[in-house]
Protein backbone atom coordinates (compact mmCIF):
# COMPACT_ATOMS: atom_id res chain seq x y z
CA MET A 1 -0.19 0.00 0.35
CA ALA A 2 1.21 3.55 -1.29
CA GLU A 3 1.07 6.26 1.46
CA THR A 4 1.54 10.21 0.54
CA ALA A 5 3.05 12.70 2.84
CA ALA A 6 2.92 15.92 1.04
CA ARG A 7 3.48 19.72 1.42
CA ALA A 8 1.98 21.53 -1.78
CA GLY A 9 4.18 22.28 -4.20
CA ALA A 10 6.90 20.71 -2.71
CA PRO A 11 9.24 18.12 -5.11
CA LEU A 12 8.41 14.53 -4.46
CA VAL A 13 10.58 11.67 -3.05
CA ALA A 14 9.65 8.10 -3.08
CA LEU A 15 10.96 5.81 -0.39
CA SER A 16 10.21 2.57 -0.33
CA ALA A 17 11.36 -1.05 1.62
CA GLY A 18 10.93 -4.44 2.38
CA VAL A 19 10.35 -5.32 -1.37
CA HIS A 20 12.72 -8.70 -0.24
CA GLY A 21 10.65 -10.20 2.58
CA ASP A 22 14.05 -11.39 4.04
CA GLU A 23 14.89 -8.27 4.71
CA PRO A 24 13.33 -6.57 7.48
CA ALA A 25 15.02 -3.54 8.97
CA GLY A 26 14.23 -1.26 5.87
CA PRO A 27 10.95 -0.84 6.60
CA TRP A 28 11.19 -0.75 10.84
CA ALA A 29 13.38 2.25 10.03
CA LEU A 30 11.22 3.61 7.50
CA LEU A 31 8.48 4.08 9.91
CA SER A 32 10.92 5.29 12.74
CA ILE A 33 11.84 7.71 10.11
CA ALA A 34 8.24 9.42 9.32
CA ARG A 35 7.20 8.85 12.79
CA ASP A 36 9.89 10.97 13.97
CA GLY A 37 9.70 13.71 12.37
CA LEU A 38 13.31 13.01 10.29
CA LEU A 39 11.67 13.73 6.62
CA ASP A 40 13.40 16.76 5.40
CA PRO A 41 9.96 19.39 5.16
CA ARG A 42 11.44 20.65 1.91
CA PHE A 43 10.12 17.52 -0.17
CA ALA A 44 6.73 15.73 -0.24
CA TYR A 45 6.78 11.75 0.46
CA ARG A 46 5.44 8.96 -1.62
CA MET A 47 6.23 5.66 0.36
CA TRP A 48 5.98 1.91 0.47
CA CYS A 49 6.85 0.85 3.77
CA CYS A 50 6.50 -2.81 2.86
CA THR A 51 6.29 -3.55 -0.86
CA ASN A 52 6.22 -7.52 -0.14
CA PRO A 53 4.02 -8.11 2.79
CA SER A 54 3.62 -11.76 1.73
CA GLY A 55 7.46 -12.57 1.98
CA TYR A 56 7.70 -10.45 5.00
CA ALA A 57 5.36 -12.07 6.64
CA SER A 58 7.06 -15.45 5.55
CA GLY A 59 10.78 -14.09 5.76
CA THR A 60 11.26 -15.11 2.33
CA ARG A 61 13.09 -13.00 -0.14
CA GLU A 62 10.40 -13.56 -2.83
CA ASN A 63 6.63 -13.07 -2.45
CA ALA A 64 3.69 -15.49 -1.78
CA GLU A 65 4.14 -16.97 -5.77
CA GLY A 66 7.67 -17.55 -5.66
CA ASP A 67 8.48 -14.28 -7.68
CA ASP A 68 11.82 -11.61 -6.66
CA ILE A 69 9.66 -8.55 -7.07
CA ASN A 70 12.14 -6.83 -7.53
CA ARG A 71 12.89 -8.03 -11.01
CA SER A 72 9.69 -7.89 -12.20
CA PHE A 73 9.06 -4.00 -13.12
CA ASN A 74 9.41 -4.68 -16.77
CA SER A 75 6.39 -4.29 -19.48
CA GLY A 76 4.28 -2.53 -16.62
CA GLY A 77 5.15 -5.05 -13.82
CA THR A 78 4.98 -8.43 -14.38
CA THR A 79 4.21 -9.54 -10.01
CA PRO A 80 1.05 -7.58 -8.78
CA GLU A 81 3.31 -5.42 -6.31
CA ALA A 82 4.89 -4.59 -9.29
CA ARG A 83 1.98 -3.33 -11.28
CA ALA A 84 0.26 -1.61 -8.23
CA ILE A 85 3.59 0.69 -7.63
CA VAL A 86 3.48 1.07 -11.67
CA THR A 87 0.14 2.28 -11.66
CA SER A 88 0.23 4.65 -8.74
CA ASN A 89 3.11 5.84 -10.53
CA ARG A 90 1.95 6.81 -13.51
CA ASP A 91 2.06 11.13 -14.29
CA ARG A 92 4.02 11.43 -10.68
CA HIS A 93 7.59 12.60 -11.16
CA PHE A 94 10.08 11.91 -8.61
CA VAL A 95 13.68 14.17 -7.73
CA LEU A 96 15.24 10.61 -5.82
CA ALA A 97 14.18 7.24 -5.04
CA LEU A 98 15.70 5.66 -1.93
CA ASP A 99 14.69 1.67 -1.40
CA LEU A 100 15.97 0.42 1.87
CA HIS A 101 17.66 -3.07 1.08
CA GLU A 102 19.76 -5.53 3.97
CA ASP A 103 22.35 -7.57 2.38
CA PHE A 104 23.48 -10.70 4.32
CA GLU A 105 26.78 -11.11 3.20
CA ALA A 106 27.83 -7.55 3.92
CA GLU A 107 30.41 -6.34 6.85
CA GLY A 108 29.75 -2.83 6.02
CA PHE A 109 27.06 -0.19 4.60
CA TYR A 110 27.32 0.20 0.79
CA CYS A 111 24.70 2.04 -1.48
CA TYR A 112 24.01 1.69 -5.65
CA GLU A 113 23.95 4.61 -7.26
CA PRO A 114 23.15 4.65 -10.31
CA LEU A 115 25.38 7.09 -12.64
CA VAL A 116 22.98 10.24 -14.03
CA GLY A 117 24.67 12.25 -16.76
CA GLY A 118 28.30 10.53 -15.96
CA ALA A 119 28.03 11.21 -12.66
CA ALA A 120 26.93 10.08 -8.63
CA LEU A 121 26.62 13.10 -6.66
CA LEU A 122 24.77 11.97 -4.07
CA GLY A 123 26.15 8.89 -2.35
CA ALA A 124 29.54 9.99 -1.22
CA GLY A 125 27.48 12.28 1.51
CA ILE A 126 25.62 9.20 2.23
CA VAL A 127 28.83 7.37 3.25
CA ARG A 128 30.32 10.51 4.73
CA ALA A 129 27.34 10.35 6.99
CA LEU A 130 27.57 6.90 7.96
CA ASP A 131 31.55 7.06 8.61
CA GLU A 132 30.87 9.99 10.84
CA SER A 133 28.19 8.47 12.71
CA GLY A 134 30.78 5.25 13.26
CA PHE A 135 29.46 2.86 11.10
CA PRO A 136 31.61 0.34 9.18
CA ILE A 137 31.57 1.14 5.59
CA GLN A 138 31.93 -1.84 3.18
CA GLU A 139 34.79 -2.30 0.84
CA LEU A 140 34.16 -3.63 -2.62
CA GLY A 141 35.37 -5.38 -4.93
CA ASP A 142 35.20 -7.76 -7.49
CA GLU A 143 35.38 -10.56 -5.19
CA PHE A 144 32.25 -9.14 -3.51
CA GLU A 145 29.02 -10.63 -4.66
CA LEU A 146 26.49 -7.93 -5.75
CA GLY A 147 24.87 -10.03 -8.77
CA TYR A 148 26.70 -9.18 -11.86
CA PRO A 149 28.33 -12.03 -13.14
CA PRO A 150 32.24 -11.59 -14.70
CA GLU A 151 31.10 -10.36 -18.11
CA ALA A 152 28.96 -7.10 -16.43
CA HIS A 153 31.47 -5.66 -14.48
CA HIS A 154 31.87 -2.99 -16.52
CA LEU A 155 28.60 -1.81 -16.38
CA ARG A 156 29.37 -0.91 -13.12
CA ARG A 157 32.50 1.00 -11.13
CA LEU A 158 33.34 0.46 -7.36
CA GLU A 159 34.28 2.88 -4.46
CA ARG A 160 34.32 2.14 -0.76
CA GLY A 161 31.03 2.15 -0.14
CA ARG A 162 29.39 2.78 -3.11
CA VAL A 163 28.29 0.95 -6.57
CA LEU A 164 27.74 3.09 -9.31
CA PRO A 165 25.93 1.45 -12.21
CA ASP A 166 25.48 2.17 -15.66
CA PRO A 167 21.78 2.37 -15.92
CA ALA A 168 21.08 2.13 -19.37
CA GLY A 169 23.86 -0.83 -20.11
CA GLU A 170 21.98 -2.32 -16.75
CA ARG A 171 18.39 -2.22 -18.46
CA ALA A 172 19.82 -3.47 -21.80
CA PHE A 173 21.88 -6.82 -19.96
CA PHE A 174 19.94 -7.97 -17.35
CA LYS A 175 16.40 -9.48 -17.77
CA GLY A 176 14.46 -8.90 -15.36
CA THR A 177 14.34 -4.68 -14.24
CA PRO A 178 14.38 -3.99 -10.54
CA TYR A 179 12.54 -0.93 -9.44
CA SER A 180 15.56 1.29 -8.93
CA LEU A 181 15.94 1.30 -12.60
CA TYR A 182 12.40 0.88 -13.56
CA LEU A 183 11.96 4.38 -11.56
CA MET A 184 14.98 6.09 -13.51
CA ARG A 185 13.55 5.27 -16.65
CA ARG A 186 9.68 6.16 -16.18
CA ALA A 187 9.64 8.58 -12.87
CA ALA A 188 12.54 9.69 -10.93
CA GLU A 189 15.76 11.79 -11.54
CA ARG A 190 18.06 9.99 -9.38
CA ALA A 191 17.74 6.24 -7.85
CA ILE A 192 19.92 4.77 -4.47
CA THR A 193 19.61 1.36 -3.19
CA LEU A 194 20.86 1.56 0.38
CA GLU A 195 22.27 -1.67 1.86
CA THR A 196 22.14 -2.21 5.48
CA PRO A 197 24.54 -5.11 6.94
CA ARG A 198 22.37 -8.52 8.26
CA THR A 199 25.51 -9.12 10.84
CA ARG A 200 25.04 -5.99 12.43
CA THR A 201 22.50 -5.66 15.53
CA TRP A 202 18.97 -4.81 14.93
CA ASP A 203 19.67 -1.41 16.32
CA ASP A 204 22.57 -0.45 14.20
CA ARG A 205 20.92 -1.48 11.22
CA ILE A 206 18.08 0.66 11.64
CA ALA A 207 20.29 3.40 12.59
CA MET A 208 22.49 2.84 9.36
CA HIS A 209 19.45 3.13 7.54
CA ARG A 210 17.93 6.33 9.06
CA THR A 211 21.73 7.86 8.86
CA ALA A 212 21.60 7.10 5.00
CA VAL A 213 17.81 8.72 4.63
CA VAL A 214 18.90 12.06 6.73
CA ALA A 215 21.62 12.49 4.48
CA ALA A 216 20.65 11.54 1.52
CA LEU A 217 17.91 13.92 2.02
CA GLY A 218 19.92 16.65 3.03
CA GLY A 219 22.28 16.32 0.10
CA LEU A 220 19.82 16.06 -2.27
CA ALA A 221 18.86 19.89 -1.26
CA GLU A 222 21.97 21.05 -1.23
CA LEU A 223 21.92 19.85 -4.57
CA ARG A 224 19.16 21.57 -5.62
CA ALA A 225 20.09 24.74 -3.53
CA ALA A 226 23.05 24.71 -5.65
CA GLY A 227 21.20 24.20 -8.83
């Protein structure tokens, strides 16, 4: 279910979590961000706090039909959940989309930030905020599993705490379309996927997501103010 927190005329940000049901910290972090008034008032928000409720209830990555929703945003949505989001986004424009995830193999935070005009302008500030808060940052290299086969390594650059994909190249290479790439093609100027490590405590994972979302919104406000 989508929920909108709106301020008239404000640029719109999409916030989502829980597309994989076995990554439970994201939905709780997103709810706590809204509850505690951490959403930057310079923006309006469209929120999907748990986009895979059947998977969340069963603790599975996939939905009740066994489908990975985050590979189903092609062709107008090939799962009921994806179709609902695609339909609700018609005629909407987002200045940023943030999607909250968890990684079972990571030891630190990292994020995916697809390049826009050859640049990724928000992720460095997010990583810096996590660093300053004392949270671990994931070192990324070809040996770290990111879902890219060796023949697709040219489709992304790796930095400390950041994966910088080429969105056009990924859409052409991979069959299933993830949420972030669908948004960048249809509805959003920028999209960032936040990954916290399941090896950390529940409280740490919640805090890491909260820190990352607040930093992303602050960086977006600065970027827009600078023109």
